[in-house]
N, C-alpha and C. Protein backbone atom coordinates (compact mmCIF):
# COMPACT_ATOMS: atom_id res chain seq x y z
N MET A 1 -16.29 -11.44 3.72
CA MET A 1 -16.49 -9.98 3.39
C MET A 1 -17.63 -9.47 4.06
N SER A 2 -17.63 -8.29 4.52
CA SER A 2 -18.94 -7.74 5.03
C SER A 2 -19.71 -6.76 4.19
N ASN A 3 -20.77 -6.41 4.65
CA ASN A 3 -21.68 -5.44 3.69
C ASN A 3 -21.26 -4.05 4.55
N VAL A 4 -20.48 -3.34 4.00
CA VAL A 4 -20.02 -2.00 4.56
C VAL A 4 -20.87 -0.99 4.20
N GLU A 5 -21.44 -0.21 5.19
CA GLU A 5 -22.21 0.91 4.88
C GLU A 5 -21.56 2.30 4.95
N ILE A 6 -21.29 2.78 3.77
CA ILE A 6 -20.72 4.12 3.62
C ILE A 6 -21.66 5.00 2.93
N SER A 7 -21.79 6.17 3.45
CA SER A 7 -22.38 7.16 2.85
C SER A 7 -22.05 7.62 1.33
N GLU A 8 -23.15 7.83 0.74
CA GLU A 8 -22.83 8.32 -0.70
C GLU A 8 -21.83 9.58 -0.73
N GLU A 9 -22.05 10.38 0.07
CA GLU A 9 -21.25 11.60 0.31
C GLU A 9 -19.63 11.17 0.49
N ILE A 10 -19.34 10.29 1.31
CA ILE A 10 -18.10 9.82 1.39
C ILE A 10 -17.46 9.28 0.14
N ARG A 11 -18.26 8.37 -0.50
CA ARG A 11 -17.84 7.75 -1.66
C ARG A 11 -17.51 8.61 -2.67
N LYS A 12 -18.41 9.69 -2.74
CA LYS A 12 -18.15 10.85 -3.89
C LYS A 12 -17.12 11.60 -3.52
N ASN A 13 -16.79 11.98 -2.43
CA ASN A 13 -15.67 12.76 -2.02
C ASN A 13 -14.27 11.98 -2.18
N PHE A 14 -14.43 10.77 -1.95
CA PHE A 14 -13.11 9.89 -2.06
C PHE A 14 -12.94 10.10 -3.58
N HIS A 15 -13.58 9.91 -4.59
CA HIS A 15 -13.34 10.12 -6.01
C HIS A 15 -12.96 11.51 -6.33
N LEU A 16 -13.60 12.38 -5.81
CA LEU A 16 -13.39 13.82 -6.12
C LEU A 16 -11.76 14.15 -5.63
N PHE A 17 -11.46 13.65 -4.64
CA PHE A 17 -10.00 13.91 -4.10
C PHE A 17 -9.06 13.08 -4.80
N TRP A 18 -9.42 11.84 -4.92
CA TRP A 18 -8.21 10.77 -5.30
C TRP A 18 -8.39 10.40 -6.81
N ASP A 19 -9.56 10.35 -7.63
CA ASP A 19 -9.38 9.85 -8.98
C ASP A 19 -8.27 10.31 -9.79
N ASN A 20 -7.85 11.53 -9.58
CA ASN A 20 -6.71 12.04 -10.37
C ASN A 20 -5.29 11.80 -9.75
N PHE A 21 -5.14 11.28 -8.77
CA PHE A 21 -3.93 10.74 -8.09
C PHE A 21 -3.35 9.76 -8.82
N PRO A 22 -2.05 9.83 -9.24
CA PRO A 22 -1.36 9.17 -10.29
C PRO A 22 -0.94 7.73 -9.69
N PHE A 23 -1.20 7.28 -8.40
CA PHE A 23 -1.08 5.84 -7.83
C PHE A 23 -2.40 5.46 -7.37
N PRO A 24 -2.31 4.11 -7.18
CA PRO A 24 -3.55 3.51 -6.71
C PRO A 24 -3.81 3.94 -5.12
N VAL A 25 -5.05 4.27 -4.98
CA VAL A 25 -5.66 4.61 -3.70
C VAL A 25 -6.87 3.88 -3.23
N MET A 26 -6.89 3.25 -2.07
CA MET A 26 -8.15 2.65 -1.89
C MET A 26 -8.75 3.00 -0.49
N LEU A 27 -10.11 2.97 -0.40
CA LEU A 27 -10.83 3.31 0.69
C LEU A 27 -11.06 1.79 1.29
N VAL A 28 -10.82 1.46 2.53
CA VAL A 28 -10.91 0.15 2.95
C VAL A 28 -11.47 0.04 4.33
N TYR A 29 -12.33 -0.97 4.37
CA TYR A 29 -12.80 -1.29 5.61
C TYR A 29 -12.01 -2.34 6.56
N LYS A 30 -12.18 -2.17 7.97
CA LYS A 30 -11.32 -2.98 8.86
C LYS A 30 -10.97 -4.53 8.42
N ASP A 31 -11.94 -5.06 7.85
CA ASP A 31 -11.72 -6.36 7.32
C ASP A 31 -11.05 -6.64 6.13
N ARG A 32 -10.56 -5.49 5.65
CA ARG A 32 -9.68 -5.56 4.30
C ARG A 32 -10.48 -5.36 3.11
N THR A 33 -11.99 -5.23 3.12
CA THR A 33 -12.86 -5.16 2.05
C THR A 33 -12.63 -3.72 1.45
N ILE A 34 -12.28 -3.76 0.12
CA ILE A 34 -12.13 -2.62 -0.66
C ILE A 34 -13.56 -1.77 -0.86
N ILE A 35 -13.66 -0.70 -0.46
CA ILE A 35 -14.88 0.17 -0.43
C ILE A 35 -15.12 0.81 -1.73
N GLU A 36 -13.90 1.52 -2.02
CA GLU A 36 -13.78 2.20 -3.21
C GLU A 36 -12.22 2.14 -3.66
N ALA A 37 -11.96 2.30 -5.05
CA ALA A 37 -10.53 2.56 -5.26
C ALA A 37 -10.62 3.57 -6.47
N ASN A 38 -9.62 4.33 -6.53
CA ASN A 38 -9.32 5.43 -7.49
C ASN A 38 -9.11 4.82 -8.69
N LYS A 39 -9.07 5.75 -9.82
CA LYS A 39 -8.81 5.29 -11.36
C LYS A 39 -7.68 4.48 -11.49
N ALA A 40 -6.45 4.76 -10.72
CA ALA A 40 -5.34 3.97 -10.85
C ALA A 40 -5.48 2.79 -10.14
N GLY A 41 -6.11 2.74 -9.08
CA GLY A 41 -6.44 1.35 -8.29
C GLY A 41 -7.19 0.27 -9.03
N GLN A 42 -8.30 0.87 -9.67
CA GLN A 42 -8.99 0.13 -10.60
C GLN A 42 -8.31 -0.42 -11.75
N ALA A 43 -7.47 0.36 -12.30
CA ALA A 43 -6.74 -0.07 -13.60
C ALA A 43 -5.74 -1.12 -13.28
N ILE A 44 -5.23 -1.35 -12.09
CA ILE A 44 -4.23 -2.42 -11.77
C ILE A 44 -4.99 -3.57 -11.10
N GLY A 45 -6.16 -3.47 -10.92
CA GLY A 45 -7.05 -4.58 -10.41
C GLY A 45 -7.38 -4.59 -8.85
N CYS A 46 -7.79 -3.53 -8.26
CA CYS A 46 -8.32 -3.35 -6.98
C CYS A 46 -9.80 -3.50 -7.06
N PRO A 47 -10.36 -4.57 -7.15
CA PRO A 47 -11.90 -4.60 -7.24
C PRO A 47 -12.50 -4.22 -5.95
N VAL A 48 -13.51 -3.31 -6.15
CA VAL A 48 -14.29 -2.94 -4.94
C VAL A 48 -15.15 -4.08 -4.62
N GLY A 49 -15.25 -4.41 -3.31
CA GLY A 49 -16.08 -5.42 -2.76
C GLY A 49 -15.20 -6.51 -2.39
N THR A 50 -13.99 -6.77 -3.02
CA THR A 50 -13.31 -7.89 -2.57
C THR A 50 -12.10 -7.51 -1.42
N ARG A 51 -11.33 -8.40 -0.79
CA ARG A 51 -10.61 -8.13 0.34
C ARG A 51 -9.22 -7.72 -0.29
N CYS A 52 -8.55 -6.53 -0.10
CA CYS A 52 -7.16 -6.27 -0.51
C CYS A 52 -6.27 -7.35 -0.06
N SER A 53 -6.31 -7.94 1.11
CA SER A 53 -5.43 -8.89 1.54
C SER A 53 -5.66 -10.33 0.81
N ASP A 54 -6.55 -10.51 0.00
CA ASP A 54 -6.68 -11.66 -0.83
C ASP A 54 -6.23 -11.31 -2.32
N ILE A 55 -5.47 -10.08 -2.69
CA ILE A 55 -4.99 -10.00 -3.86
C ILE A 55 -3.47 -10.33 -3.79
N GLY A 56 -3.18 -11.28 -4.68
CA GLY A 56 -1.75 -11.66 -4.52
C GLY A 56 -1.53 -12.62 -3.39
N GLU A 57 -0.24 -13.05 -3.14
CA GLU A 57 0.33 -13.92 -2.00
C GLU A 57 0.06 -13.40 -0.59
N LYS A 58 -0.22 -14.15 0.21
CA LYS A 58 -0.45 -13.68 1.65
C LYS A 58 0.79 -12.90 2.03
N LYS A 59 1.99 -13.33 1.79
CA LYS A 59 3.30 -12.86 2.09
C LYS A 59 3.38 -11.38 1.76
N PHE A 60 2.72 -11.02 0.80
CA PHE A 60 2.85 -9.69 0.19
C PHE A 60 2.17 -8.59 1.08
N HIS A 61 1.44 -9.18 2.10
CA HIS A 61 0.64 -8.39 2.95
C HIS A 61 1.21 -8.36 4.43
N ALA A 62 2.26 -9.03 4.68
CA ALA A 62 2.94 -9.27 5.99
C ALA A 62 3.27 -7.86 6.46
N GLY A 63 3.52 -6.85 5.78
CA GLY A 63 4.05 -5.40 6.40
C GLY A 63 2.82 -4.48 6.63
N CYS A 64 1.66 -5.11 6.31
CA CYS A 64 0.37 -4.10 6.60
C CYS A 64 0.38 -3.35 7.90
N LYS A 65 0.16 -2.29 7.84
CA LYS A 65 0.07 -1.29 9.16
C LYS A 65 -1.46 -1.01 9.58
N ALA A 66 -2.59 -1.54 8.71
CA ALA A 66 -3.80 -0.98 8.86
C ALA A 66 -4.36 -1.27 10.40
N ASN A 67 -4.14 -2.51 11.06
CA ASN A 67 -4.56 -2.56 12.41
C ASN A 67 -3.89 -1.59 13.32
N LYS A 68 -2.71 -1.39 13.21
CA LYS A 68 -2.05 -0.24 14.05
C LYS A 68 -2.50 1.20 13.76
N ALA A 69 -2.90 1.49 12.55
CA ALA A 69 -3.36 2.86 12.30
C ALA A 69 -4.73 2.91 12.85
N LEU A 70 -5.70 2.04 12.67
CA LEU A 70 -6.91 2.06 13.22
C LEU A 70 -6.87 2.16 14.73
N ARG A 71 -6.02 1.15 15.33
CA ARG A 71 -5.93 1.13 16.86
C ARG A 71 -5.72 2.51 17.49
N GLU A 72 -4.56 3.07 16.83
CA GLU A 72 -4.23 4.41 17.23
C GLU A 72 -4.79 5.65 16.70
N GLN A 73 -5.67 5.56 15.59
CA GLN A 73 -6.37 6.52 15.10
C GLN A 73 -5.52 7.55 14.57
N ALA A 74 -4.41 7.25 13.86
CA ALA A 74 -3.21 7.98 13.46
C ALA A 74 -2.84 7.43 12.17
N GLY A 75 -2.38 8.34 11.24
CA GLY A 75 -1.79 7.73 9.96
C GLY A 75 -0.62 7.13 10.27
N ILE A 76 -0.13 6.09 9.50
CA ILE A 76 1.24 5.39 9.74
C ILE A 76 1.79 5.33 8.16
N ARG A 77 3.11 5.76 8.25
CA ARG A 77 3.94 5.99 7.04
C ARG A 77 5.09 4.89 7.11
N GLU A 78 5.36 4.26 5.96
CA GLU A 78 6.38 3.26 5.87
C GLU A 78 7.14 3.47 4.40
N VAL A 79 8.35 3.68 4.53
CA VAL A 79 9.12 3.69 3.28
C VAL A 79 10.03 2.35 3.27
N ALA A 80 9.98 1.63 2.25
CA ALA A 80 10.68 0.34 2.22
C ALA A 80 10.70 -0.22 0.74
N TYR A 81 11.84 -0.88 0.69
CA TYR A 81 12.01 -1.67 -0.75
C TYR A 81 11.05 -2.91 -0.63
N VAL A 82 10.34 -3.03 -1.66
CA VAL A 82 9.42 -4.24 -1.63
C VAL A 82 9.70 -5.18 -2.73
N ASP A 83 10.52 -6.41 -2.23
CA ASP A 83 11.12 -7.34 -3.07
C ASP A 83 10.39 -7.74 -4.50
N PHE A 84 9.00 -8.04 -4.09
CA PHE A 84 8.28 -8.65 -5.29
C PHE A 84 7.67 -7.68 -6.16
N MET A 85 7.91 -6.34 -6.00
CA MET A 85 7.56 -5.38 -6.89
C MET A 85 8.94 -4.90 -7.59
N GLY A 86 9.97 -4.98 -6.79
CA GLY A 86 11.07 -4.28 -7.22
C GLY A 86 11.10 -2.82 -7.22
N GLN A 87 10.52 -2.34 -6.18
CA GLN A 87 10.22 -0.89 -5.99
C GLN A 87 10.54 -0.33 -4.50
N VAL A 88 11.02 0.77 -4.38
CA VAL A 88 10.87 1.38 -3.00
C VAL A 88 9.45 2.05 -2.98
N LEU A 89 8.75 1.70 -2.04
CA LEU A 89 7.44 2.52 -1.79
C LEU A 89 7.21 3.31 -0.58
N ASP A 90 6.65 4.34 -0.84
CA ASP A 90 6.26 5.24 0.26
C ASP A 90 4.88 4.95 0.51
N SER A 91 4.62 4.19 1.63
CA SER A 91 3.19 3.58 1.93
C SER A 91 2.50 4.23 3.11
N TYR A 92 1.09 4.42 2.96
CA TYR A 92 0.48 5.17 3.95
C TYR A 92 -0.76 4.41 4.33
N TRP A 93 -1.28 4.33 5.68
CA TRP A 93 -2.44 3.87 6.09
C TRP A 93 -3.07 4.89 6.93
N VAL A 94 -4.17 5.40 6.56
CA VAL A 94 -4.57 6.80 7.07
C VAL A 94 -6.22 6.57 7.50
N PRO A 95 -6.46 6.47 8.91
CA PRO A 95 -7.77 6.38 9.23
C PRO A 95 -8.70 7.43 8.81
N LEU A 96 -9.90 7.10 8.26
CA LEU A 96 -10.85 8.12 8.07
C LEU A 96 -11.19 8.93 9.23
N ALA A 97 -11.13 10.31 9.29
CA ALA A 97 -11.74 10.87 10.53
C ALA A 97 -13.05 10.70 10.98
N GLY A 98 -13.31 10.36 12.07
CA GLY A 98 -14.70 10.16 12.57
C GLY A 98 -15.13 8.73 12.36
N SER A 99 -14.30 7.93 11.89
CA SER A 99 -14.64 6.47 11.65
C SER A 99 -13.45 5.54 12.43
N GLU A 100 -13.95 4.50 13.18
CA GLU A 100 -12.96 3.77 13.86
C GLU A 100 -12.65 2.48 12.80
N ASP A 101 -13.33 2.18 11.71
CA ASP A 101 -13.42 1.06 11.03
C ASP A 101 -12.91 1.36 9.51
N VAL A 102 -12.66 2.35 9.00
CA VAL A 102 -12.37 2.72 7.60
C VAL A 102 -11.18 3.51 7.60
N TYR A 103 -10.37 3.25 6.54
CA TYR A 103 -9.01 3.80 6.37
C TYR A 103 -8.64 3.92 4.81
N LEU A 104 -7.83 4.81 4.69
CA LEU A 104 -7.32 4.94 3.14
C LEU A 104 -5.89 4.33 3.17
N HIS A 105 -5.63 3.62 1.99
CA HIS A 105 -4.29 2.82 1.86
C HIS A 105 -3.78 3.31 0.55
N PHE A 106 -2.53 3.76 0.47
CA PHE A 106 -1.89 4.12 -0.84
C PHE A 106 -0.40 3.90 -0.68
N SER A 107 0.31 3.59 -1.82
CA SER A 107 1.73 3.59 -1.89
C SER A 107 2.05 4.32 -3.16
N ILE A 108 3.21 5.11 -3.11
CA ILE A 108 3.76 5.68 -4.08
C ILE A 108 5.21 5.11 -4.34
N ASP A 109 5.40 4.82 -5.72
CA ASP A 109 6.63 4.20 -6.29
C ASP A 109 7.83 5.53 -6.12
N ILE A 110 8.54 5.42 -5.30
CA ILE A 110 9.79 6.56 -5.18
C ILE A 110 11.17 5.93 -5.50
N THR A 111 11.11 4.87 -6.05
CA THR A 111 12.31 4.17 -6.29
C THR A 111 13.39 5.08 -7.02
N GLU A 112 13.02 5.87 -8.07
CA GLU A 112 13.91 6.82 -8.72
C GLU A 112 14.60 7.92 -7.83
N TYR A 113 13.80 8.08 -6.59
CA TYR A 113 14.27 9.09 -5.75
C TYR A 113 14.94 8.57 -4.46
N ALA A 114 14.94 7.25 -4.37
CA ALA A 114 15.24 6.72 -3.13
C ALA A 114 16.72 6.63 -2.86
N ALA A 115 17.21 6.68 -1.64
CA ALA A 115 18.57 6.73 -1.29
C ALA A 115 18.96 5.30 -1.37
N ASP A 116 20.20 5.25 -1.84
CA ASP A 116 20.92 3.92 -2.16
C ASP A 116 20.77 2.83 -0.99
N ARG A 117 20.65 3.19 0.29
CA ARG A 117 20.60 2.43 1.36
C ARG A 117 19.29 1.58 1.44
N LEU A 118 18.15 2.16 0.58
CA LEU A 118 16.82 1.50 0.48
C LEU A 118 16.86 0.36 -0.53
N LEU A 119 17.76 0.42 -1.44
CA LEU A 119 17.86 -0.51 -2.81
C LEU A 119 18.62 -1.67 -2.26
N PRO A 120 18.29 -2.88 -2.72
CA PRO A 120 19.14 -4.06 -2.66
C PRO A 120 20.48 -3.92 -3.18
N LYS A 121 21.56 -4.51 -2.51
CA LYS A 121 22.79 -4.36 -2.93
C LYS A 121 23.03 -5.32 -4.30
N LYS A 122 23.86 -4.72 -5.24
CA LYS A 122 23.97 -5.51 -6.49
C LYS A 122 25.05 -6.41 -6.14
N GLN A 123 24.98 -7.56 -6.75
CA GLN A 123 26.10 -8.61 -6.54
C GLN A 123 27.36 -8.20 -7.24
N GLU A 124 28.51 -8.23 -6.55
CA GLU A 124 29.78 -7.77 -7.29
C GLU A 124 29.99 -8.82 -8.24
N GLN A 125 30.69 -8.41 -9.46
CA GLN A 125 31.16 -9.42 -10.62
C GLN A 125 32.44 -10.08 -10.22
N SER A 126 32.60 -10.11 -9.01
CA SER A 126 33.97 -10.77 -8.47
C SER A 126 33.90 -12.41 -8.64
N GLY A 127 32.65 -12.96 -8.87
CA GLY A 127 32.72 -14.43 -8.66
C GLY A 127 32.22 -14.88 -7.45
N CYS A 128 32.26 -14.08 -6.29
CA CYS A 128 31.62 -14.35 -5.14
C CYS A 128 30.10 -14.71 -4.97
N ASP A 129 29.85 -15.67 -4.58
CA ASP A 129 28.46 -15.83 -4.54
C ASP A 129 27.86 -15.86 -3.09
N CYS A 130 28.53 -15.35 -2.23
CA CYS A 130 28.14 -15.26 -0.72
C CYS A 130 26.90 -14.26 -0.49
N GLY A 131 26.70 -13.41 -1.53
CA GLY A 131 25.70 -12.26 -1.16
C GLY A 131 26.27 -11.11 -0.43
N CYS A 132 27.60 -11.16 -0.13
CA CYS A 132 27.99 -9.85 0.44
C CYS A 132 28.68 -8.94 -0.57
N GLU A 133 29.27 -7.85 -0.04
CA GLU A 133 29.97 -6.86 -1.01
C GLU A 133 31.49 -7.21 -1.13
N CYS A 134 31.73 -8.22 -0.79
CA CYS A 134 33.24 -8.48 -0.77
C CYS A 134 33.77 -8.82 -2.12
N SER A 135 34.92 -8.63 -2.24
CA SER A 135 35.71 -8.83 -3.64
C SER A 135 36.48 -10.12 -3.47
N ASN A 136 35.94 -11.03 -3.02
CA ASN A 136 36.93 -12.37 -2.96
C ASN A 136 36.99 -13.01 -4.42
């Protein structure tokens, strides 16, 4: 983990804008060190000063778009079903304007609003265990 220099003004503004957001939001350095986390992020265990990529299993971070967002200096959005959470997440990686090394990351649980095509198929009660939708 690196010693990240972020102004007090940026830290203050992060909390001003994000502390009341109902889902976890993190301000993250390019090496994945969490610089700040909003109240929801702190509540679920996003500790400032640790690397977000060290939270949970490595495979949970396989879909991370941080490098692409920082390289392109553009926000990246991905909506996908996340197996280990059992949720459809609307996820964002947004570079901080004027910084090549810092980005916001957050995901919103949209499972209850998600289209059926985003949810895993339920196994038919037909006795077939092939994982398909057949009625054998």
